[in-house]
C-alpha atoms as a PDB file:
ATOM      1  CA  UNK A   1     -37.086 -22.516 -31.617  1.00  0.00           C
ATOM      2  CA  UNK A   2     -36.761 -18.756 -32.814  1.00  0.00           C
ATOM      3  CA  UNK A   3     -33.791 -18.601 -31.022  1.00  0.00           C
ATOM      4  CA  UNK A   4     -31.677 -21.767 -32.025  1.00  0.00           C
ATOM      5  CA  UNK A   5     -32.649 -20.778 -35.630  1.00  0.00           C
ATOM      6  CA  UNK A   6     -30.957 -17.291 -35.094  1.00  0.00           C
ATOM      7  CA  UNK A   7     -28.251 -19.297 -33.371  1.00  0.00           C
ATOM      8  CA  UNK A   8     -27.581 -21.683 -36.798  1.00  0.00           C
ATOM      9  CA  UNK A   9     -27.998 -18.552 -39.156  1.00  0.00           C
ATOM     10  CA  UNK A  10     -25.583 -16.651 -36.598  1.00  0.00           C
ATOM     11  CA  UNK A  11     -22.881 -19.466 -36.778  1.00  0.00           C
ATOM     12  CA  UNK A  12     -23.560 -20.390 -40.642  1.00  0.00           C
ATOM     13  CA  UNK A  13     -22.969 -16.687 -41.797  1.00  0.00           C
ATOM     14  CA  UNK A  14     -20.185 -16.201 -39.030  1.00  0.00           C
ATOM     15  CA  UNK A  15     -18.363 -19.538 -40.059  1.00  0.00           C
ATOM     16  CA  UNK A  16     -18.663 -18.621 -43.637  1.00  0.00           C
ATOM     17  CA  UNK A  17     -17.354 -14.858 -43.245  1.00  0.00           C
ATOM     18  CA  UNK A  18     -14.108 -16.595 -41.053  1.00  0.00           C
ATOM     19  CA  UNK A  19     -13.819 -18.688 -44.451  1.00  0.00           C
ATOM     20  CA  UNK A  20     -14.060 -15.444 -46.418  1.00  0.00           C
ATOM     21  CA  UNK A  21     -11.773 -13.345 -44.250  1.00  0.00           C
ATOM     22  CA  UNK A  22      -9.265 -16.427 -44.522  1.00  0.00           C
ATOM     23  CA  UNK A  23      -9.394 -16.778 -48.659  1.00  0.00           C
ATOM     24  CA  UNK A  24      -8.936 -12.994 -48.092  1.00  0.00           C
ATOM     25  CA  UNK A  25      -5.514 -13.129 -46.580  1.00  0.00           C
ATOM     26  CA  UNK A  26      -4.441 -15.739 -48.952  1.00  0.00           C
ATOM     27  CA  UNK A  27      -5.061 -13.448 -51.748  1.00  0.00           C
ATOM     28  CA  UNK A  28      -3.775 -10.215 -50.386  1.00  0.00           C
ATOM     29  CA  UNK A  29      -0.779 -11.617 -48.543  1.00  0.00           C
ATOM     30  CA  UNK A  30       0.129 -14.780 -50.221  1.00  0.00           C
ATOM     31  CA  UNK A  31      -1.186 -14.436 -54.105  1.00  0.00           C
ATOM     32  CA  UNK A  32      -3.297 -17.172 -53.953  1.00  0.00           C
ATOM     33  CA  UNK A  33      -6.545 -16.994 -55.466  1.00  0.00           C
ATOM     34  CA  UNK A  34      -9.742 -17.617 -53.778  1.00  0.00           C
ATOM     35  CA  UNK A  35     -12.655 -19.145 -55.895  1.00  0.00           C
ATOM     36  CA  UNK A  36     -14.558 -17.526 -58.016  1.00  0.00           C
ATOM     37  CA  UNK A  37     -18.344 -17.836 -56.945  1.00  0.00           C
ATOM     38  CA  UNK A  38     -19.557 -16.301 -60.256  1.00  0.00           C
ATOM     39  CA  UNK A  39     -18.790 -20.015 -61.381  1.00  0.00           C
ATOM     40  CA  UNK A  40     -20.972 -21.379 -59.089  1.00  0.00           C
ATOM     41  CA  UNK A  41     -23.722 -18.948 -59.945  1.00  0.00           C
ATOM     42  CA  UNK A  42     -23.410 -19.866 -63.195  1.00  0.00           C
ATOM     43  CA  UNK A  43     -23.643 -23.935 -62.152  1.00  0.00           C
ATOM     44  CA  UNK A  44     -26.860 -23.550 -60.271  1.00  0.00           C
ATOM     45  CA  UNK A  45     -28.430 -21.273 -63.066  1.00  0.00           C
ATOM     46  CA  UNK A  46     -27.416 -23.861 -65.236  1.00  0.00           C
ATOM     47  CA  UNK A  47     -28.925 -26.801 -63.133  1.00  0.00           C
ATOM     48  CA  UNK A  48     -32.128 -25.163 -63.177  1.00  0.00           C
ATOM     49  CA  UNK A  49     -31.802 -25.291 -66.957  1.00  0.00           C
ATOM     50  CA  UNK A  50     -31.410 -29.131 -67.208  1.00  0.00           C
ATOM     51  CA  UNK A  51     -27.142 -28.720 -67.134  1.00  0.00           C
ATOM     52  CA  UNK A  52     -26.004 -30.064 -64.096  1.00  0.00           C
ATOM     53  CA  UNK A  53     -22.365 -31.091 -65.226  1.00  0.00           C
ATOM     54  CA  UNK A  54     -19.848 -28.854 -67.569  1.00  0.00           C
ATOM     55  CA  UNK A  55     -16.819 -29.522 -69.432  1.00  0.00           C
ATOM     56  CA  UNK A  56     -15.125 -26.218 -68.034  1.00  0.00           C
ATOM     57  CA  UNK A  57     -17.520 -24.228 -66.692  1.00  0.00           C
ATOM     58  CA  UNK A  58     -15.236 -21.559 -67.591  1.00  0.00           C
ATOM     59  CA  UNK A  59     -16.561 -21.817 -70.924  1.00  0.00           C
ATOM     60  CA  UNK A  60     -20.025 -21.833 -70.408  1.00  0.00           C
ATOM     61  CA  UNK A  61     -21.604 -18.630 -71.173  1.00  0.00           C
ATOM     62  CA  UNK A  62     -22.339 -16.522 -68.472  1.00  0.00           C
ATOM     63  CA  UNK A  63     -25.671 -15.636 -67.194  1.00  0.00           C
ATOM     64  CA  UNK A  64     -26.955 -12.894 -65.862  1.00  0.00           C
ATOM     65  CA  UNK A  65     -26.516 -12.343 -62.047  1.00  0.00           C
ATOM     66  CA  UNK A  66     -24.162 -15.212 -61.485  1.00  0.00           C
ATOM     67  CA  UNK A  67     -21.832 -13.481 -59.391  1.00  0.00           C
ATOM     68  CA  UNK A  68     -25.007 -12.619 -56.659  1.00  0.00           C
ATOM     69  CA  UNK A  69     -26.119 -15.944 -56.877  1.00  0.00           C
ATOM     70  CA  UNK A  70     -22.934 -17.433 -56.628  1.00  0.00           C
ATOM     71  CA  UNK A  71     -22.045 -15.235 -53.321  1.00  0.00           C
ATOM     72  CA  UNK A  72     -25.766 -15.682 -52.000  1.00  0.00           C
ATOM     73  CA  UNK A  73     -25.721 -19.437 -52.501  1.00  0.00           C
ATOM     74  CA  UNK A  74     -21.712 -19.908 -50.773  1.00  0.00           C
ATOM     75  CA  UNK A  75     -23.639 -18.298 -47.696  1.00  0.00           C
ATOM     76  CA  UNK A  76     -26.646 -20.364 -47.870  1.00  0.00           C
ATOM     77  CA  UNK A  77     -24.667 -23.501 -48.181  1.00  0.00           C
ATOM     78  CA  UNK A  78     -22.090 -22.246 -44.936  1.00  0.00           C
ATOM     79  CA  UNK A  79     -25.954 -21.579 -42.859  1.00  0.00           C
ATOM     80  CA  UNK A  80     -27.115 -25.250 -44.011  1.00  0.00           C
ATOM     81  CA  UNK A  81     -23.817 -26.979 -42.929  1.00  0.00           C
ATOM     82  CA  UNK A  82     -24.054 -25.061 -39.616  1.00  0.00           C
ATOM     83  CA  UNK A  83     -27.861 -26.452 -39.337  1.00  0.00           C
ATOM     84  CA  UNK A  84     -26.477 -30.350 -40.029  1.00  0.00           C
ATOM     85  CA  UNK A  85     -23.729 -29.774 -37.575  1.00  0.00           C
ATOM     86  CA  UNK A  86     -25.717 -28.526 -34.804  1.00  0.00           C
ATOM     87  CA  UNK A  87     -28.309 -31.369 -35.632  1.00  0.00           C
ATOM     88  CA  UNK A  88     -25.626 -33.756 -35.525  1.00  0.00           C
ATOM     89  CA  UNK A  89     -23.597 -32.956 -32.336  1.00  0.00           C
ATOM     90  CA  UNK A  90     -26.782 -31.665 -30.776  1.00  0.00           C
ATOM     91  CA  UNK A  91     -28.242 -28.571 -29.349  1.00  0.00           C
ATOM     92  CA  UNK A  92     -25.965 -29.333 -26.010  1.00  0.00           C
ATOM     93  CA  UNK A  93     -23.036 -28.453 -28.317  1.00  0.00           C
ATOM     94  CA  UNK A  94     -24.323 -24.545 -28.704  1.00  0.00           C
ATOM     95  CA  UNK A  95     -24.187 -24.719 -24.581  1.00  0.00           C
ATOM     96  CA  UNK A  96     -20.758 -26.499 -24.023  1.00  0.00           C
ATOM     97  CA  UNK A  97     -18.847 -25.744 -27.414  1.00  0.00           C
ATOM     98  CA  UNK A  98     -15.901 -28.065 -28.276  1.00  0.00           C
ATOM     99  CA  UNK A  99     -13.160 -27.533 -30.952  1.00  0.00           C
ATOM    100  CA  UNK A 100     -12.451 -30.761 -31.797  1.00  0.00           C
ATOM    101  CA  UNK A 101     -16.417 -31.675 -33.376  1.00  0.00           C
ATOM    102  CA  UNK A 102     -16.262 -28.521 -34.932  1.00  0.00           C
ATOM    103  CA  UNK A 103     -12.858 -28.796 -36.753  1.00  0.00           C
ATOM    104  CA  UNK A 104     -13.662 -32.393 -37.501  1.00  0.00           C
ATOM    105  CA  UNK A 105     -17.277 -31.628 -39.141  1.00  0.00           C
ATOM    106  CA  UNK A 106     -16.158 -28.514 -41.286  1.00  0.00           C
ATOM    107  CA  UNK A 107     -13.179 -30.467 -42.518  1.00  0.00           C
ATOM    108  CA  UNK A 108     -15.291 -33.313 -43.553  1.00  0.00           C
ATOM    109  CA  UNK A 109     -17.295 -30.951 -45.529  1.00  0.00           C
ATOM    110  CA  UNK A 110     -14.585 -31.104 -48.004  1.00  0.00           C
ATOM    111  CA  UNK A 111     -16.305 -34.044 -49.580  1.00  0.00           C
ATOM    112  CA  UNK A 112     -19.170 -31.570 -51.060  1.00  0.00           C
ATOM    113  CA  UNK A 113     -16.808 -29.924 -53.631  1.00  0.00           C
ATOM    114  CA  UNK A 114     -14.273 -32.554 -53.635  1.00  0.00           C
ATOM    115  CA  UNK A 115     -16.698 -35.560 -55.334  1.00  0.00           C
ATOM    116  CA  UNK A 116     -19.734 -33.002 -56.151  1.00  0.00           C
ATOM    117  CA  UNK A 117     -18.770 -29.181 -57.117  1.00  0.00           C
ATOM    118  CA  UNK A 118     -15.718 -29.928 -58.916  1.00  0.00           C
ATOM    119  CA  UNK A 119     -16.778 -33.001 -60.882  1.00  0.00           C
ATOM    120  CA  UNK A 120     -19.700 -30.897 -62.048  1.00  0.00           C
ATOM    121  CA  UNK A 121     -17.716 -27.635 -62.842  1.00  0.00           C
ATOM    122  CA  UNK A 122     -15.410 -29.735 -64.851  1.00  0.00           C
ATOM    123  CA  UNK A 123     -12.428 -29.605 -62.472  1.00  0.00           C
ATOM    124  CA  UNK A 124     -12.376 -33.702 -61.949  1.00  0.00           C
ATOM    125  CA  UNK A 125     -12.822 -35.525 -58.899  1.00  0.00           C
ATOM    126  CA  UNK A 126     -10.853 -33.531 -55.886  1.00  0.00           C
ATOM    127  CA  UNK A 127      -9.562 -31.009 -58.875  1.00  0.00           C
ATOM    128  CA  UNK A 128      -7.564 -33.760 -60.773  1.00  0.00           C
ATOM    129  CA  UNK A 129      -8.686 -32.091 -63.725  1.00  0.00           C
ATOM    130  CA  UNK A 130      -6.538 -28.547 -62.495  1.00  0.00           C
ATOM    131  CA  UNK A 131      -3.158 -27.328 -63.640  1.00  0.00           C
ATOM    132  CA  UNK A 132      -2.249 -28.146 -60.003  1.00  0.00           C
ATOM    133  CA  UNK A 133      -4.354 -30.833 -58.325  1.00  0.00           C
ATOM    134  CA  UNK A 134      -2.347 -31.203 -55.290  1.00  0.00           C
ATOM    135  CA  UNK A 135      -2.678 -27.354 -54.596  1.00  0.00           C
ATOM    136  CA  UNK A 136      -6.565 -26.946 -55.011  1.00  0.00           C
ATOM    137  CA  UNK A 137      -6.613 -30.016 -52.369  1.00  0.00           C
ATOM    138  CA  UNK A 138      -4.832 -28.366 -50.135  1.00  0.00           C
ATOM    139  CA  UNK A 139      -6.620 -25.025 -50.291  1.00  0.00           C
ATOM    140  CA  UNK A 140      -9.680 -26.887 -50.254  1.00  0.00           C
ATOM    141  CA  UNK A 141      -9.141 -28.526 -47.181  1.00  0.00           C
ATOM    142  CA  UNK A 142      -7.774 -25.775 -45.527  1.00  0.00           C
ATOM    143  CA  UNK A 143     -10.749 -23.620 -46.552  1.00  0.00           C
ATOM    144  CA  UNK A 144     -12.867 -26.230 -44.844  1.00  0.00           C
ATOM    145  CA  UNK A 145     -10.924 -26.792 -41.648  1.00  0.00           C
ATOM    146  CA  UNK A 146     -11.143 -23.045 -41.483  1.00  0.00           C
ATOM    147  CA  UNK A 147     -14.916 -23.440 -41.829  1.00  0.00           C
ATOM    148  CA  UNK A 148     -14.933 -25.362 -38.705  1.00  0.00           C
ATOM    149  CA  UNK A 149     -12.872 -23.408 -36.469  1.00  0.00           C
ATOM    150  CA  UNK A 150     -15.261 -20.366 -37.770  1.00  0.00           C
ATOM    151  CA  UNK A 151     -18.419 -22.483 -36.551  1.00  0.00           C
ATOM    152  CA  UNK A 152     -16.596 -23.148 -33.089  1.00  0.00           C
ATOM    153  CA  UNK A 153     -15.231 -19.176 -32.653  1.00  0.00           C
ATOM    154  CA  UNK A 154     -18.899 -18.000 -33.807  1.00  0.00           C
ATOM    155  CA  UNK A 155     -20.391 -19.987 -30.955  1.00  0.00           C
ATOM    156  CA  UNK A 156     -17.479 -18.632 -28.670  1.00  0.00           C
ATOM    157  CA  UNK A 157     -18.791 -15.020 -29.602  1.00  0.00           C
ATOM    158  CA  UNK A 158     -22.531 -15.918 -28.894  1.00  0.00           C
ATOM    159  CA  UNK A 159     -21.133 -17.011 -25.609  1.00  0.00           C
ATOM    160  CA  UNK A 160     -19.285 -13.584 -24.800  1.00  0.00           C
ATOM    161  CA  UNK A 161     -22.022 -11.480 -25.801  1.00  0.00           C
ATOM    162  CA  UNK A 162     -24.350 -13.921 -23.344  1.00  0.00           C
ATOM    163  CA  UNK A 163     -26.771 -15.042 -26.052  1.00  0.00           C
ATOM    164  CA  UNK A 164     -26.500 -18.356 -25.406  1.00  0.00           C
END
């Protein structure tokens, strides 16, 4: 059980690092900005004070440690998604990982930002209230696709080092 939890932790963190690297590449070479995780931190602190939905999160007052809370939650969510994925596909997937289930799951997690986070941050369903909704949607979908790739490649990495 302990080994299984370490695998889930490693896979979730690695897949999240994978999407952060993807966001870095987009920013650095294509000038496509990344999500500002301080707004996720602001939203989460707001929830703890009873405010679940914001008109526009950027207009809400900043809160102490919002950036750190946002980044920490980003990794916790990645780990939770990793655990959910492995619960769905089963522990045997860890022994014999396949690409398609990881890509399908990773891409399907875009449901979370489209229908929960973006509306609550004041961006509308699937970023419909942003200046460039199609671009925002494409970026969200591609990021979650990359999370799926990260799930797969991090598991392959565990195999390369004989940790599974």
